[in-house]
Amino acid sequence: MLSQFHPTFLQNIVHFVKKHISIPQIFASLILSVISLDLLAETRIAILDFELKDLTLAPRIPAEIKRTASIKPLLETELKKAGYMIINIDSESQKRADSGVGYLFDHHDVAADLGKQFAADYVLVGRLHKPSFLFAYLMGHLIRVSDSKLIGNYISEAKGPTKKLTQKTVESLTVKIDKTLDNQYSPPSPAKLF
């Protein structure tokens, strides 16, 4: 490809580079290029299906099961808006790794191994903890896959079971996750909830 240029043109470029650009500048440019490429790489996060821990007198009613199932897709949507790459771990793979209710939530090494199988950088293991009919907590453990370390332990309170309140609680959880990671999420402006 360089053969199509006139030899004088190439000599002029070489002369310019030798005269105006030093070896340390070239080295520094290469390092900055590599760093820039690394910054452009998206953070890869897997969000596991949230589990319901319902301590009320009427546990696991269909509405709560439905609300719990809605949390993962809501959270994935919010994290995508912030520029995170969502890694899908299918429910079947999650079930095979899980040894019972709360197991992945409490065993970060097993959750990290599951994330590693799907090339995730981080895994979020979540729970909807419902101690009362009046409120519930969205809880999340953010685990760094590379070393199986818990790097985020989050709790966001939902005061009521409505879809809008659940959405706002998911946005609150997203802010907390993003502060731990890339700090690039801007939640939607507050809207009237009722």
Protein backbone atom coordinates (compact mmCIF):
# COMPACT_ATOMS: atom_id res chain seq x y z
CA MET A 1 0.00 0.00 0.00
CA LEU A 2 2.85 2.39 0.79
CA SER A 3 4.29 1.72 -2.67
CA GLN A 4 1.55 3.85 -4.23
CA PHE A 5 2.97 7.00 -2.58
CA HIS A 6 5.79 8.93 -4.19
CA PRO A 7 9.17 8.21 -2.47
CA THR A 8 9.71 11.92 -1.77
CA PHE A 9 6.39 12.06 0.07
CA LEU A 10 7.41 9.17 2.35
CA GLN A 11 10.83 10.72 2.92
CA ASN A 12 9.15 13.97 3.98
CA ILE A 13 6.98 12.11 6.51
CA VAL A 14 9.99 10.27 7.95
CA HIS A 15 11.94 13.55 8.16
CA PHE A 16 9.00 15.28 9.90
CA VAL A 17 8.62 12.46 12.44
CA LYS A 18 12.36 12.41 13.21
CA LYS A 19 12.46 16.19 13.61
CA HIS A 20 9.25 16.77 15.61
CA ILE A 21 8.41 13.55 17.46
CA SER A 22 10.67 11.89 19.99
CA ILE A 23 10.73 8.23 21.03
CA PRO A 24 9.24 9.06 24.48
CA GLN A 25 6.35 10.87 22.77
CA ILE A 26 5.67 7.86 20.57
CA PHE A 27 5.84 5.56 23.60
CA ALA A 28 3.50 7.82 25.59
CA SER A 29 1.06 7.95 22.66
CA LEU A 30 1.00 4.17 22.46
CA ILE A 31 0.33 3.84 26.20
CA LEU A 32 -2.48 6.41 26.04
CA SER A 33 -3.99 4.58 23.07
CA VAL A 34 -4.02 1.30 24.99
CA ILE A 35 -5.56 3.01 28.04
CA SER A 36 -8.18 4.68 25.84
CA LEU A 37 -9.14 1.35 24.29
CA ASP A 38 -9.48 -0.13 27.77
CA LEU A 39 -11.76 2.73 28.83
CA LEU A 40 -13.97 2.12 25.80
CA ALA A 41 -14.49 -1.51 26.80
CA GLU A 42 -17.85 -1.91 28.43
CA THR A 43 -18.14 -3.27 31.93
CA ARG A 44 -19.78 -6.69 31.68
CA ILE A 45 -22.31 -7.42 34.42
CA ALA A 46 -24.55 -10.45 34.89
CA ILE A 47 -27.71 -10.05 36.94
CA LEU A 48 -29.11 -13.24 38.36
CA ASP A 49 -32.82 -13.82 38.86
CA PHE A 50 -33.92 -12.18 42.11
CA GLU A 51 -35.20 -14.49 44.80
CA LEU A 52 -38.15 -13.73 47.07
CA LYS A 53 -37.69 -13.98 50.81
CA ASP A 54 -41.21 -13.33 52.06
CA LEU A 55 -41.61 -13.32 55.85
CA THR A 56 -45.22 -12.10 55.91
CA LEU A 57 -48.19 -14.13 57.16
CA ALA A 58 -49.27 -14.77 53.55
CA PRO A 59 -45.98 -15.54 51.82
CA ARG A 60 -45.36 -15.93 48.10
CA ILE A 61 -48.63 -14.58 46.82
CA PRO A 62 -48.76 -14.36 42.99
CA ALA A 63 -48.41 -10.55 43.00
CA GLU A 64 -45.12 -10.76 44.94
CA ILE A 65 -43.78 -13.53 42.73
CA LYS A 66 -44.62 -11.38 39.70
CA ARG A 67 -42.99 -8.29 41.26
CA THR A 68 -39.86 -10.28 42.11
CA ALA A 69 -39.63 -11.57 38.52
CA SER A 70 -39.91 -7.99 37.21
CA ILE A 71 -36.84 -6.71 39.07
CA LYS A 72 -34.14 -8.32 36.93
CA PRO A 73 -35.41 -6.95 33.58
CA LEU A 74 -35.98 -3.50 35.13
CA LEU A 75 -32.44 -3.46 36.52
CA GLU A 76 -30.96 -4.69 33.25
CA THR A 77 -32.72 -1.86 31.40
CA GLU A 78 -31.39 0.78 33.79
CA LEU A 79 -27.83 -0.56 33.68
CA LYS A 80 -27.94 -0.70 29.86
CA LYS A 81 -28.92 2.99 29.85
CA ALA A 82 -25.75 3.66 31.84
CA GLY A 83 -23.60 1.87 29.25
CA TYR A 84 -23.07 -1.47 30.94
CA MET A 85 -23.01 -4.66 28.89
CA ILE A 86 -25.52 -7.09 30.33
CA ILE A 87 -24.42 -10.71 30.30
CA ASN A 88 -27.30 -13.17 30.19
CA ILE A 89 -27.07 -16.15 32.49
CA ASP A 90 -30.03 -18.39 31.80
CA SER A 91 -32.24 -19.56 34.67
CA GLU A 92 -31.26 -23.19 34.14
CA SER A 93 -27.54 -22.45 34.63
CA GLN A 94 -28.39 -20.42 37.71
CA LYS A 95 -30.46 -23.28 39.14
CA ARG A 96 -27.61 -25.76 38.57
CA ALA A 97 -25.20 -23.49 40.49
CA ASP A 98 -27.69 -22.84 43.28
CA SER A 99 -27.97 -25.29 46.18
CA GLY A 100 -31.01 -23.70 47.78
CA VAL A 101 -32.66 -20.42 48.67
CA GLY A 102 -30.03 -17.84 49.52
CA TYR A 103 -27.08 -20.02 48.52
CA LEU A 104 -25.70 -17.81 45.72
CA PHE A 105 -26.48 -14.71 47.81
CA ASP A 106 -24.26 -16.06 50.59
CA HIS A 107 -21.60 -17.91 48.52
CA HIS A 108 -19.79 -15.30 46.47
CA ASP A 109 -17.24 -17.79 45.15
CA VAL A 110 -19.96 -19.93 43.55
CA ALA A 111 -21.67 -16.86 42.06
CA ALA A 112 -18.30 -15.68 40.69
CA ASP A 113 -17.64 -19.10 39.13
CA LEU A 114 -21.03 -18.90 37.44
CA GLY A 115 -20.19 -15.42 36.13
CA LYS A 116 -16.81 -16.62 34.88
CA GLN A 117 -18.54 -19.30 32.77
CA PHE A 118 -20.34 -16.50 30.91
CA ALA A 119 -17.36 -14.07 30.71
CA ALA A 120 -18.88 -11.50 33.08
CA ASP A 121 -16.74 -8.99 34.98
CA TYR A 122 -19.29 -8.74 37.81
CA VAL A 123 -22.29 -10.70 39.03
CA LEU A 124 -25.21 -9.20 40.94
CA VAL A 125 -27.08 -11.65 43.15
CA GLY A 126 -30.37 -10.15 44.30
CA ARG A 127 -33.16 -10.73 46.72
CA LEU A 128 -36.53 -9.13 47.43
CA HIS A 129 -36.74 -9.30 51.22
CA LYS A 130 -40.29 -8.71 52.45
CA PRO A 131 -40.60 -8.55 56.24
CA SER A 132 -43.93 -6.70 56.15
CA PHE A 133 -46.95 -5.99 53.94
CA LEU A 134 -46.03 -2.30 54.10
CA PHE A 135 -42.50 -2.39 52.69
CA ALA A 136 -39.82 -4.59 51.19
CA TYR A 137 -36.11 -4.33 50.56
CA LEU A 138 -34.31 -4.84 47.30
CA MET A 139 -31.00 -6.34 48.31
CA GLY A 140 -28.03 -6.97 46.08
CA HIS A 141 -24.55 -8.41 46.38
CA LEU A 142 -22.17 -7.24 43.66
CA ILE A 143 -19.33 -9.72 43.21
CA ARG A 144 -16.17 -9.13 41.20
CA VAL A 145 -15.67 -12.29 39.15
CA SER A 146 -11.87 -12.07 38.86
CA ASP A 147 -11.31 -12.62 42.60
CA SER A 148 -14.77 -13.63 43.92
CA LYS A 149 -14.85 -10.57 46.21
CA LEU A 150 -18.03 -8.92 47.42
CA ILE A 151 -17.52 -5.30 46.38
CA GLY A 152 -21.04 -4.02 46.95
CA ASN A 153 -23.73 -4.83 49.50
CA TYR A 154 -26.84 -2.82 48.65
CA ILE A 155 -30.23 -2.31 50.23
CA SER A 156 -32.97 -0.12 48.75
CA GLU A 157 -36.34 0.17 50.45
CA ALA A 158 -39.63 -0.12 48.54
CA LYS A 159 -42.54 1.36 50.47
CA GLY A 160 -45.40 -0.39 48.76
CA PRO A 161 -45.90 -2.94 46.00
CA THR A 162 -46.84 -0.71 43.04
CA LYS A 163 -45.01 -0.93 39.72
CA LYS A 164 -43.91 2.72 39.93
CA LEU A 165 -42.48 2.28 43.42
CA THR A 166 -40.67 -0.87 42.34
CA GLN A 167 -39.24 1.02 39.34
CA LYS A 168 -38.02 3.85 41.60
CA THR A 169 -36.43 1.34 43.97
CA VAL A 170 -34.66 -0.32 41.04
CA GLU A 171 -33.37 3.11 39.96
CA SER A 172 -32.06 3.67 43.49
CA LEU A 173 -30.29 0.31 43.38
CA THR A 174 -28.82 1.18 39.96
CA VAL A 175 -27.35 4.41 41.36
CA LYS A 176 -25.64 2.43 44.13
CA ILE A 177 -24.24 -0.19 41.76
CA ASP A 178 -23.00 2.47 39.36
CA LYS A 179 -21.24 4.40 42.15
CA THR A 180 -19.27 1.24 42.90
CA LEU A 181 -18.38 0.66 39.24
CA ASP A 182 -18.21 3.32 36.52
CA ASN A 183 -20.23 6.21 37.98
CA GLN A 184 -22.00 7.08 34.73
CA TYR A 185 -25.71 6.52 35.49
CA SER A 186 -28.18 9.38 35.63
CA PRO A 187 -31.53 8.27 36.97
CA PRO A 188 -34.69 9.67 35.39
CA SER A 189 -35.99 12.84 36.99
CA PRO A 190 -38.46 12.26 39.80
CA ALA A 191 -42.00 11.78 38.57
CA LYS A 192 -45.22 11.94 40.45
CA LEU A 193 -45.80 8.46 41.91
CA PHE A 194 -49.54 8.69 42.53
